[in-house]
Amino acid sequence: MTEPPLITLARWEEHGAIWRTRSITETEAVVELFTCHGELVEALRSDDPELLRYLATHSRSDPD
């Protein structure tokens, strides 16, 4: 079983890495996960309603 996507984002930040929303619709989000140096590691794709609500007001972990 995989962890909930919000836990993944929180864990990513706790380790000093960053994430940014690549795309979001009413039914799906794609979030890019980067190292603390800005290198893309992977993309998280999810239809989790809790994640979609969160991303509606938080599009990235680093300042704009």
PDB file of N, CA and C in Angstrom:
ATOM      1  N   MET A   1       0.850  -1.192   0.000  1.00  0.00           N
ATOM      2  CA  MET A   1       0.000   0.000   0.000  1.00  0.00           C
ATOM      3  C   MET A   1       0.889   1.248   0.000  1.00  0.00           C
ATOM      4  N   THR A   2       0.565   2.194  -0.854  1.00  0.00           N
ATOM      5  CA  THR A   2       1.335   3.431  -0.922  1.00  0.00           C
ATOM      6  C   THR A   2       0.774   4.453   0.060  1.00  0.00           C
ATOM      7  N   GLU A   3       1.604   5.408   0.415  1.00  0.00           N
ATOM      8  CA  GLU A   3       1.163   6.426   1.358  1.00  0.00           C
ATOM      9  C   GLU A   3       0.287   7.458   0.663  1.00  0.00           C
ATOM     10  N   PRO A   4      -0.567   8.143   1.417  1.00  0.00           N
ATOM     11  CA  PRO A   4      -1.397   9.203   0.832  1.00  0.00           C
ATOM     12  C   PRO A   4      -0.500  10.301   0.232  1.00  0.00           C
ATOM     13  N   PRO A   5      -0.928  10.910  -0.869  1.00  0.00           N
ATOM     14  CA  PRO A   5      -0.078  11.897  -1.544  1.00  0.00           C
ATOM     15  C   PRO A   5       0.291  13.105  -0.688  1.00  0.00           C
ATOM     16  N   LEU A   6      -0.575  13.533   0.215  1.00  0.00           N
ATOM     17  CA  LEU A   6      -0.207  14.663   1.082  1.00  0.00           C
ATOM     18  C   LEU A   6       0.917  14.277   2.026  1.00  0.00           C
ATOM     19  N   ILE A   7       0.957  13.034   2.445  1.00  0.00           N
ATOM     20  CA  ILE A   7       2.051  12.549   3.290  1.00  0.00           C
ATOM     21  C   ILE A   7       3.345  12.551   2.479  1.00  0.00           C
ATOM     22  N   THR A   8       3.257  12.150   1.233  1.00  0.00           N
ATOM     23  CA  THR A   8       4.430  12.165   0.351  1.00  0.00           C
ATOM     24  C   THR A   8       4.988  13.579   0.235  1.00  0.00           C
ATOM     25  N   LEU A   9       4.115  14.569   0.012  1.00  0.00           N
ATOM     26  CA  LEU A   9       4.579  15.956  -0.116  1.00  0.00           C
ATOM     27  C   LEU A   9       5.212  16.443   1.182  1.00  0.00           C
ATOM     28  N   ALA A  10       4.591  16.129   2.312  1.00  0.00           N
ATOM     29  CA  ALA A  10       5.128  16.543   3.612  1.00  0.00           C
ATOM     30  C   ALA A  10       6.492  15.893   3.854  1.00  0.00           C
ATOM     31  N   ARG A  11       6.617  14.616   3.555  1.00  0.00           N
ATOM     32  CA  ARG A  11       7.882  13.902   3.728  1.00  0.00           C
ATOM     33  C   ARG A  11       8.959  14.509   2.838  1.00  0.00           C
ATOM     34  N   TRP A  12       8.580  14.854   1.618  1.00  0.00           N
ATOM     35  CA  TRP A  12       9.511  15.458   0.672  1.00  0.00           C
ATOM     36  C   TRP A  12      10.071  16.761   1.250  1.00  0.00           C
ATOM     37  N   GLU A  13       9.175  17.611   1.772  1.00  0.00           N
ATOM     38  CA  GLU A  13       9.589  18.886   2.359  1.00  0.00           C
ATOM     39  C   GLU A  13      10.443  18.678   3.602  1.00  0.00           C
ATOM     40  N   GLU A  14      10.079  17.721   4.447  1.00  0.00           N
ATOM     41  CA  GLU A  14      10.833  17.447   5.676  1.00  0.00           C
ATOM     42  C   GLU A  14      12.290  17.103   5.381  1.00  0.00           C
ATOM     43  N   HIS A  15      12.539  16.540   4.211  1.00  0.00           N
ATOM     44  CA  HIS A  15      13.899  16.169   3.840  1.00  0.00           C
ATOM     45  C   HIS A  15      14.605  17.262   3.030  1.00  0.00           C
ATOM     46  N   GLY A  16      14.000  18.445   2.964  1.00  0.00           N
ATOM     47  CA  GLY A  16      14.648  19.580   2.311  1.00  0.00           C
ATOM     48  C   GLY A  16      14.436  19.671   0.812  1.00  0.00           C
ATOM     49  N   ALA A  17      13.612  18.795   0.267  1.00  0.00           N
ATOM     50  CA  ALA A  17      13.335  18.819  -1.166  1.00  0.00           C
ATOM     51  C   ALA A  17      12.126  19.718  -1.448  1.00  0.00           C
ATOM     52  N   ILE A  18      11.845  19.936  -2.706  1.00  0.00           N
ATOM     53  CA  ILE A  18      10.719  20.808  -3.076  1.00  0.00           C
ATOM     54  C   ILE A  18       9.788  20.098  -4.054  1.00  0.00           C
ATOM     55  N   TRP A  19       8.590  20.611  -4.144  1.00  0.00           N
ATOM     56  CA  TRP A  19       7.614  20.102  -5.109  1.00  0.00           C
ATOM     57  C   TRP A  19       6.879  21.273  -5.725  1.00  0.00           C
ATOM     58  N   ARG A  20       6.397  21.056  -6.942  1.00  0.00           N
ATOM     59  CA  ARG A  20       5.624  22.082  -7.665  1.00  0.00           C
ATOM     60  C   ARG A  20       4.525  21.400  -8.464  1.00  0.00           C
ATOM     61  N   THR A  21       3.368  22.003  -8.471  1.00  0.00           N
ATOM     62  CA  THR A  21       2.259  21.467  -9.251  1.00  0.00           C
ATOM     63  C   THR A  21       2.532  21.706 -10.730  1.00  0.00           C
ATOM     64  N   ARG A  22       2.534  20.643 -11.510  1.00  0.00           N
ATOM     65  CA  ARG A  22       2.698  20.767 -12.969  1.00  0.00           C
ATOM     66  C   ARG A  22       1.349  21.039 -13.605  1.00  0.00           C
ATOM     67  N   SER A  23       0.326  20.289 -13.174  1.00  0.00           N
ATOM     68  CA  SER A  23      -1.020  20.503 -13.711  1.00  0.00           C
ATOM     69  C   SER A  23      -2.042  20.049 -12.683  1.00  0.00           C
ATOM     70  N   ILE A  24      -3.213  20.649 -12.772  1.00  0.00           N
ATOM     71  CA  ILE A  24      -4.300  20.266 -11.884  1.00  0.00           C
ATOM     72  C   ILE A  24      -5.623  20.511 -12.612  1.00  0.00           C
ATOM     73  N   THR A  25      -6.504  19.535 -12.506  1.00  0.00           N
ATOM     74  CA  THR A  25      -7.861  19.654 -13.033  1.00  0.00           C
ATOM     75  C   THR A  25      -8.810  19.330 -11.880  1.00  0.00           C
ATOM     76  N   GLU A  26     -10.069  19.259 -12.167  1.00  0.00           N
ATOM     77  CA  GLU A  26     -11.038  18.913 -11.123  1.00  0.00           C
ATOM     78  C   GLU A  26     -10.882  17.468 -10.662  1.00  0.00           C
ATOM     79  N   THR A  27     -10.244  16.645 -11.470  1.00  0.00           N
ATOM     80  CA  THR A  27     -10.181  15.217 -11.167  1.00  0.00           C
ATOM     81  C   THR A  27      -8.775  14.644 -11.002  1.00  0.00           C
ATOM     82  N   GLU A  28      -7.732  15.402 -11.338  1.00  0.00           N
ATOM     83  CA  GLU A  28      -6.385  14.854 -11.244  1.00  0.00           C
ATOM     84  C   GLU A  28      -5.338  15.952 -11.132  1.00  0.00           C
ATOM     85  N   ALA A  29      -4.273  15.634 -10.398  1.00  0.00           N
ATOM     86  CA  ALA A  29      -3.139  16.551 -10.279  1.00  0.00           C
ATOM     87  C   ALA A  29      -1.856  15.808 -10.608  1.00  0.00           C
ATOM     88  N   VAL A  30      -0.912  16.559 -11.162  1.00  0.00           N
ATOM     89  CA  VAL A  30       0.432  16.045 -11.384  1.00  0.00           C
ATOM     90  C   VAL A  30       1.376  17.009 -10.667  1.00  0.00           C
ATOM     91  N   VAL A  31       2.161  16.458  -9.745  1.00  0.00           N
ATOM     92  CA  VAL A  31       3.079  17.257  -8.950  1.00  0.00           C
ATOM     93  C   VAL A  31       4.496  16.765  -9.215  1.00  0.00           C
ATOM     94  N   GLU A  32       5.377  17.690  -9.556  1.00  0.00           N
ATOM     95  CA  GLU A  32       6.771  17.335  -9.798  1.00  0.00           C
ATOM     96  C   GLU A  32       7.542  17.402  -8.486  1.00  0.00           C
ATOM     97  N   LEU A  33       8.350  16.377  -8.243  1.00  0.00           N
ATOM     98  CA  LEU A  33       9.156  16.279  -7.034  1.00  0.00           C
ATOM     99  C   LEU A  33      10.618  16.503  -7.408  1.00  0.00           C
ATOM    100  N   PHE A  34      11.234  17.490  -6.771  1.00  0.00           N
ATOM    101  CA  PHE A  34      12.603  17.891  -7.079  1.00  0.00           C
ATOM    102  C   PHE A  34      13.523  17.664  -5.878  1.00  0.00           C
ATOM    103  N   THR A  35      14.815  17.508  -6.145  1.00  0.00           N
ATOM    104  CA  THR A  35      15.794  17.479  -5.066  1.00  0.00           C
ATOM    105  C   THR A  35      15.905  18.887  -4.485  1.00  0.00           C
ATOM    106  N   CYS A  36      16.642  19.009  -3.400  1.00  0.00           N
ATOM    107  CA  CYS A  36      16.859  20.339  -2.818  1.00  0.00           C
ATOM    108  C   CYS A  36      17.708  21.216  -3.734  1.00  0.00           C
ATOM    109  N   HIS A  37      18.358  20.610  -4.732  1.00  0.00           N
ATOM    110  CA  HIS A  37      19.160  21.363  -5.697  1.00  0.00           C
ATOM    111  C   HIS A  37      18.382  21.696  -6.968  1.00  0.00           C
ATOM    112  N   GLY A  38      17.096  21.299  -7.015  1.00  0.00           N
ATOM    113  CA  GLY A  38      16.253  21.647  -8.145  1.00  0.00           C
ATOM    114  C   GLY A  38      16.214  20.639  -9.275  1.00  0.00           C
ATOM    115  N   GLU A  39      16.771  19.449  -9.068  1.00  0.00           N
ATOM    116  CA  GLU A  39      16.754  18.418 -10.109  1.00  0.00           C
ATOM    117  C   GLU A  39      15.464  17.607 -10.009  1.00  0.00           C
ATOM    118  N   LEU A  40      14.773  17.450 -11.116  1.00  0.00           N
ATOM    119  CA  LEU A  40      13.535  16.681 -11.138  1.00  0.00           C
ATOM    120  C   LEU A  40      13.835  15.210 -10.861  1.00  0.00           C
ATOM    121  N   VAL A  41      13.090  14.624  -9.924  1.00  0.00           N
ATOM    122  CA  VAL A  41      13.263  13.223  -9.563  1.00  0.00           C
ATOM    123  C   VAL A  41      12.139  12.382 -10.140  1.00  0.00           C
ATOM    124  N   GLU A  42      10.903  12.830  -9.918  1.00  0.00           N
ATOM    125  CA  GLU A  42       9.751  12.100 -10.414  1.00  0.00           C
ATOM    126  C   GLU A  42       8.513  12.980 -10.384  1.00  0.00           C
ATOM    127  N   ALA A  43       7.449  12.472 -10.967  1.00  0.00           N
ATOM    128  CA  ALA A  43       6.164  13.169 -10.953  1.00  0.00           C
ATOM    129  C   ALA A  43       5.154  12.303 -10.217  1.00  0.00           C
ATOM    130  N   LEU A  44       4.410  12.923  -9.346  1.00  0.00           N
ATOM    131  CA  LEU A  44       3.358  12.265  -8.587  1.00  0.00           C
ATOM    132  C   LEU A  44       2.031  12.583  -9.270  1.00  0.00           C
ATOM    133  N   ARG A  45       1.318  11.566  -9.712  1.00  0.00           N
ATOM    134  CA  ARG A  45       0.014  11.742 -10.364  1.00  0.00           C
ATOM    135  C   ARG A  45      -1.042  11.167  -9.423  1.00  0.00           C
ATOM    136  N   SER A  46      -2.098  11.953  -9.135  1.00  0.00           N
ATOM    137  CA  SER A  46      -3.088  11.485  -8.176  1.00  0.00           C
ATOM    138  C   SER A  46      -4.467  12.082  -8.455  1.00  0.00           C
ATOM    139  N   ASP A  47      -5.477  11.306  -8.086  1.00  0.00           N
ATOM    140  CA  ASP A  47      -6.854  11.794  -8.138  1.00  0.00           C
ATOM    141  C   ASP A  47      -7.433  11.922  -6.732  1.00  0.00           C
ATOM    142  N   ASP A  48      -6.562  11.922  -5.729  1.00  0.00           N
ATOM    143  CA  ASP A  48      -6.970  12.005  -4.332  1.00  0.00           C
ATOM    144  C   ASP A  48      -7.677  13.342  -4.055  1.00  0.00           C
ATOM    145  N   PRO A  49      -8.925  13.313  -3.606  1.00  0.00           N
ATOM    146  CA  PRO A  49      -9.677  14.567  -3.378  1.00  0.00           C
ATOM    147  C   PRO A  49      -9.016  15.494  -2.356  1.00  0.00           C
ATOM    148  N   GLU A  50      -8.411  14.922  -1.322  1.00  0.00           N
ATOM    149  CA  GLU A  50      -7.750  15.745  -0.307  1.00  0.00           C
ATOM    150  C   GLU A  50      -6.557  16.492  -0.914  1.00  0.00           C
ATOM    151  N   LEU A  51      -5.800  15.817  -1.751  1.00  0.00           N
ATOM    152  CA  LEU A  51      -4.678  16.462  -2.429  1.00  0.00           C
ATOM    153  C   LEU A  51      -5.172  17.566  -3.365  1.00  0.00           C
ATOM    154  N   LEU A  52      -6.223  17.296  -4.120  1.00  0.00           N
ATOM    155  CA  LEU A  52      -6.759  18.304  -5.043  1.00  0.00           C
ATOM    156  C   LEU A  52      -7.207  19.559  -4.295  1.00  0.00           C
ATOM    157  N   ARG A  53      -7.848  19.390  -3.144  1.00  0.00           N
ATOM    158  CA  ARG A  53      -8.261  20.546  -2.333  1.00  0.00           C
ATOM    159  C   ARG A  53      -7.037  21.321  -1.841  1.00  0.00           C
ATOM    160  N   TYR A  54      -6.029  20.606  -1.380  1.00  0.00           N
ATOM    161  CA  TYR A  54      -4.813  21.248  -0.872  1.00  0.00           C
ATOM    162  C   TYR A  54      -4.111  22.034  -1.978  1.00  0.00           C
ATOM    163  N   LEU A  55      -3.971  21.421  -3.135  1.00  0.00           N
ATOM    164  CA  LEU A  55      -3.259  22.072  -4.236  1.00  0.00           C
ATOM    165  C   LEU A  55      -4.016  23.272  -4.800  1.00  0.00           C
ATOM    166  N   ALA A  56      -5.298  23.351  -4.547  1.00  0.00           N
ATOM    167  CA  ALA A  56      -6.078  24.513  -5.005  1.00  0.00           C
ATOM    168  C   ALA A  56      -5.573  25.801  -4.351  1.00  0.00           C
ATOM    169  N   THR A  57      -4.940  25.674  -3.183  1.00  0.00           N
ATOM    170  CA  THR A  57      -4.433  26.868  -2.476  1.00  0.00           C
ATOM    171  C   THR A  57      -2.918  26.825  -2.227  1.00  0.00           C
ATOM    172  N   HIS A  58      -2.283  25.706  -2.542  1.00  0.00           N
ATOM    173  CA  HIS A  58      -0.832  25.550  -2.355  1.00  0.00           C
ATOM    174  C   HIS A  58      -0.253  24.912  -3.617  1.00  0.00           C
ATOM    175  N   SER A  59       0.298  25.699  -4.496  1.00  0.00           N
ATOM    176  CA  SER A  59       0.758  25.162  -5.778  1.00  0.00           C
ATOM    177  C   SER A  59       2.203  24.699  -5.768  1.00  0.00           C
ATOM    178  N   ARG A  60       2.946  25.043  -4.703  1.00  0.00           N
ATOM    179  CA  ARG A  60       4.370  24.662  -4.632  1.00  0.00           C
ATOM    180  C   ARG A  60       4.860  24.768  -3.207  1.00  0.00           C
ATOM    181  N   SER A  61       5.971  24.102  -2.927  1.00  0.00           N
ATOM    182  CA  SER A  61       6.516  24.155  -1.576  1.00  0.00           C
ATOM    183  C   SER A  61       7.523  25.279  -1.408  1.00  0.00           C
ATOM    184  N   ASP A  62       8.124  25.727  -2.506  1.00  0.00           N
ATOM    185  CA  ASP A  62       9.105  26.810  -2.424  1.00  0.00           C
ATOM    186  C   ASP A  62       8.424  28.137  -2.746  1.00  0.00           C
ATOM    187  N   PRO A  63       8.990  29.238  -2.274  1.00  0.00           N
ATOM    188  CA  PRO A  63       8.384  30.549  -2.562  1.00  0.00           C
ATOM    189  C   PRO A  63       8.368  30.829  -4.066  1.00  0.00           C
ATOM    190  N   ASP A  64       7.348  31.521  -4.498  1.00  0.00           N
ATOM    191  CA  ASP A  64       7.234  31.890  -5.919  1.00  0.00           C
ATOM    192  C   ASP A  64       8.376  32.761  -6.363  1.00  0.00           C
TER     193      ASP A  64
END
